[in-house]
Amino acid sequence: MMKNCLKLSAILLVLFSACQNAKKDNAKKDKSEKDKVEGVAVVNLKKGDTRVLALKDTAQAKLHIFLDSLKPHALDSNYRFLVKSDFAEGKNHEHMWSVVYKYANGKFTGIFADSAIYLKNIKMGDPVLIKAKDVEDWAMYDYLRNTDMGNFSDKYLRSKQGK
């Protein structure tokens, strides 16, 4: 029983830390971004944008790299693992980030780490389950070495802001 409590405490601590780091990272990015709704940068792309689809293909093709690092470091607070996926409510869609800490049976378990603009039924910190096939992008941060990998769509999306 005590062992399970310790595991749960460790998971909650890692998730809280990841959310706090995500908030800091997002706050830094928002200062320099032009198009904002409620203080959050928004990029509207056409459905079927070929560049975004190609970037998703890249993320999917390299997902094994992400998984190889997630397995041994998922609960290590020196690392942060995120996946981007499409969230929908009716006809409204937003492509947003979630911090993930587990992968099993083709699904990531984590918590929603973004601020939804148009969707009202999902909030930062909500639990999420994301199928591997639905991952549109991924990012991992190693705070010990100050390195990151993935985040394939970032440069393209930044180039589309204000257009």
Protein backbone atom coordinates (compact mmCIF):
# COMPACT_ATOMS: atom_id res chain seq x y z
CA MET A 1 0.00 0.00 0.00
CA MET A 2 2.77 2.42 0.99
CA LYS A 3 4.67 1.57 -2.20
CA ASN A 4 1.60 2.47 -4.32
CA CYS A 5 1.17 5.75 -2.43
CA LEU A 6 4.81 6.61 -3.12
CA LYS A 7 4.42 5.81 -6.82
CA LEU A 8 1.26 7.92 -7.05
CA SER A 9 2.99 10.80 -5.24
CA ALA A 10 5.93 10.60 -7.64
CA ILE A 11 3.62 10.64 -10.68
CA LEU A 12 1.68 13.62 -9.36
CA LEU A 13 4.90 15.50 -8.59
CA VAL A 14 6.25 14.89 -12.10
CA LEU A 15 2.96 15.97 -13.69
CA PHE A 16 2.75 19.12 -11.59
CA SER A 17 6.36 19.98 -12.44
CA ALA A 18 5.73 19.36 -16.15
CA CYS A 19 2.66 21.61 -16.15
CA GLN A 20 4.58 24.37 -14.43
CA ASN A 21 7.42 24.09 -16.96
CA ALA A 22 4.91 24.04 -19.83
CA LYS A 23 3.33 27.24 -18.48
CA LYS A 24 6.75 28.91 -18.29
CA ASP A 25 7.69 27.79 -21.82
CA ASN A 26 4.35 28.97 -23.24
CA ALA A 27 4.61 32.32 -21.44
CA LYS A 28 8.04 32.96 -23.01
CA LYS A 29 6.73 32.14 -26.49
CA ASP A 30 3.60 34.29 -26.14
CA LYS A 31 5.58 37.48 -25.52
CA SER A 32 6.91 37.49 -29.07
CA GLU A 33 3.86 36.24 -30.96
CA LYS A 34 1.57 38.53 -32.96
CA ASP A 35 -1.81 36.83 -33.45
CA LYS A 36 -3.46 36.15 -30.13
CA VAL A 37 -6.89 35.25 -28.87
CA GLU A 38 -7.26 35.83 -25.15
CA GLY A 39 -3.47 36.23 -24.91
CA VAL A 40 -2.65 32.96 -26.67
CA ALA A 41 -1.08 32.76 -30.12
CA VAL A 42 -3.37 31.18 -32.71
CA VAL A 43 -2.46 29.96 -36.19
CA ASN A 44 -5.35 29.10 -38.49
CA LEU A 45 -4.43 26.69 -41.27
CA LYS A 46 -6.51 25.24 -44.04
CA LYS A 47 -7.73 21.69 -43.55
CA GLY A 48 -5.38 19.32 -45.33
CA ASP A 49 -2.38 21.72 -45.25
CA THR A 50 0.22 19.60 -47.06
CA ARG A 51 3.17 20.91 -45.04
CA VAL A 52 1.47 20.11 -41.72
CA LEU A 53 0.59 16.64 -42.98
CA ALA A 54 4.22 16.07 -44.04
CA LEU A 55 5.40 17.20 -40.59
CA LYS A 56 2.97 14.77 -38.97
CA ASP A 57 4.42 12.01 -41.16
CA THR A 58 7.90 12.98 -39.92
CA ALA A 59 6.75 12.87 -36.29
CA GLN A 60 5.13 9.48 -36.83
CA ALA A 61 8.21 8.08 -38.59
CA LYS A 62 10.44 9.15 -35.70
CA LEU A 63 8.02 8.25 -32.89
CA HIS A 64 10.22 5.27 -31.97
CA ILE A 65 12.93 7.73 -30.83
CA PHE A 66 10.43 9.40 -28.51
CA LEU A 67 9.24 6.05 -27.15
CA ASP A 68 12.80 4.81 -26.56
CA SER A 69 13.45 7.83 -24.34
CA LEU A 70 10.03 7.90 -22.67
CA LYS A 71 10.29 4.34 -21.35
CA PRO A 72 13.31 4.86 -19.04
CA HIS A 73 12.70 8.54 -18.22
CA ALA A 74 8.90 8.96 -18.10
CA LEU A 75 8.78 9.81 -14.39
CA ASP A 76 12.15 11.58 -14.23
CA SER A 77 11.62 15.29 -13.49
CA ASN A 78 14.76 16.08 -15.52
CA TYR A 79 12.82 15.20 -18.67
CA ARG A 80 9.56 16.37 -20.18
CA PHE A 81 7.65 14.50 -22.88
CA LEU A 82 4.84 16.07 -24.90
CA VAL A 83 2.67 15.00 -27.80
CA LYS A 84 0.50 17.20 -30.00
CA SER A 85 -2.85 15.89 -31.17
CA ASP A 86 -6.21 17.06 -32.45
CA PHE A 87 -8.93 17.71 -29.88
CA ALA A 88 -12.47 18.20 -31.15
CA GLU A 89 -15.88 19.34 -29.93
CA GLY A 90 -18.44 19.16 -32.69
CA LYS A 91 -17.01 21.05 -35.67
CA ASN A 92 -14.36 22.85 -33.60
CA HIS A 93 -10.83 21.44 -33.65
CA GLU A 94 -7.68 22.54 -31.85
CA HIS A 95 -4.27 20.94 -32.19
CA MET A 96 -2.68 21.10 -28.77
CA TRP A 97 0.01 19.67 -26.50
CA SER A 98 -0.27 17.15 -23.67
CA VAL A 99 2.44 16.07 -21.23
CA VAL A 100 2.69 12.29 -21.33
CA TYR A 101 4.18 9.93 -18.77
CA LYS A 102 3.12 6.46 -19.92
CA TYR A 103 2.77 4.44 -23.12
CA ALA A 104 0.92 1.13 -23.22
CA ASN A 105 -1.24 -0.72 -25.75
CA GLY A 106 -0.69 1.92 -28.44
CA LYS A 107 -1.84 4.83 -26.23
CA PHE A 108 -0.17 7.63 -24.33
CA THR A 109 -1.44 8.58 -20.88
CA GLY A 110 -0.89 12.12 -19.71
CA ILE A 111 -2.38 15.46 -18.88
CA PHE A 112 -3.55 18.27 -21.11
CA ALA A 113 -0.89 21.02 -21.02
CA ASP A 114 -2.32 23.67 -23.35
CA SER A 115 -4.92 26.41 -23.15
CA ALA A 116 -7.90 25.66 -25.35
CA ILE A 117 -9.35 28.70 -27.10
CA TYR A 118 -12.45 27.36 -28.80
CA LEU A 119 -13.01 24.08 -26.98
CA LYS A 120 -14.81 24.43 -23.67
CA ASN A 121 -14.79 20.86 -22.32
CA ILE A 122 -11.04 20.48 -21.83
CA LYS A 123 -8.88 22.39 -19.39
CA MET A 124 -5.18 22.47 -18.55
CA GLY A 125 -4.43 19.57 -16.23
CA ASP A 126 -7.25 17.31 -17.47
CA PRO A 127 -6.25 13.65 -17.93
CA VAL A 128 -5.87 12.52 -21.55
CA LEU A 129 -5.44 9.28 -23.43
CA ILE A 130 -3.97 9.70 -26.93
CA LYS A 131 -3.58 6.96 -29.53
CA ALA A 132 -0.11 6.76 -31.06
CA LYS A 133 -1.62 7.05 -34.55
CA ASP A 134 -3.15 10.42 -33.54
CA VAL A 135 0.18 12.00 -32.58
CA GLU A 136 0.78 14.95 -34.92
CA ASP A 137 4.04 16.08 -33.33
CA TRP A 138 6.13 15.30 -30.29
CA ALA A 139 8.75 17.04 -28.21
CA MET A 140 11.09 15.93 -25.49
CA TYR A 141 13.22 18.09 -23.26
CA ASP A 142 16.27 16.98 -21.30
CA TYR A 143 16.85 19.60 -18.63
CA LEU A 144 20.13 18.04 -17.44
CA ARG A 145 21.78 18.45 -20.85
CA ASN A 146 19.64 21.43 -21.89
CA THR A 147 18.62 19.68 -25.11
CA ASP A 148 15.39 19.04 -26.94
CA MET A 149 14.20 16.88 -29.83
CA GLY A 150 11.15 16.77 -32.02
CA ASN A 151 8.76 19.74 -32.20
CA PHE A 152 8.83 19.39 -35.97
CA SER A 153 5.95 21.79 -36.64
CA ASP A 154 7.21 24.74 -34.58
CA LYS A 155 9.19 26.60 -37.28
CA TYR A 156 6.43 26.19 -39.87
CA LEU A 157 3.66 27.34 -37.52
CA ARG A 158 5.69 30.39 -36.45
CA SER A 159 6.14 31.31 -40.12
CA LYS A 160 2.33 31.26 -40.54
CA GLN A 161 1.54 33.62 -37.67
CA GLY A 162 0.03 36.88 -38.80
CA LYS A 163 -1.02 35.48 -42.21
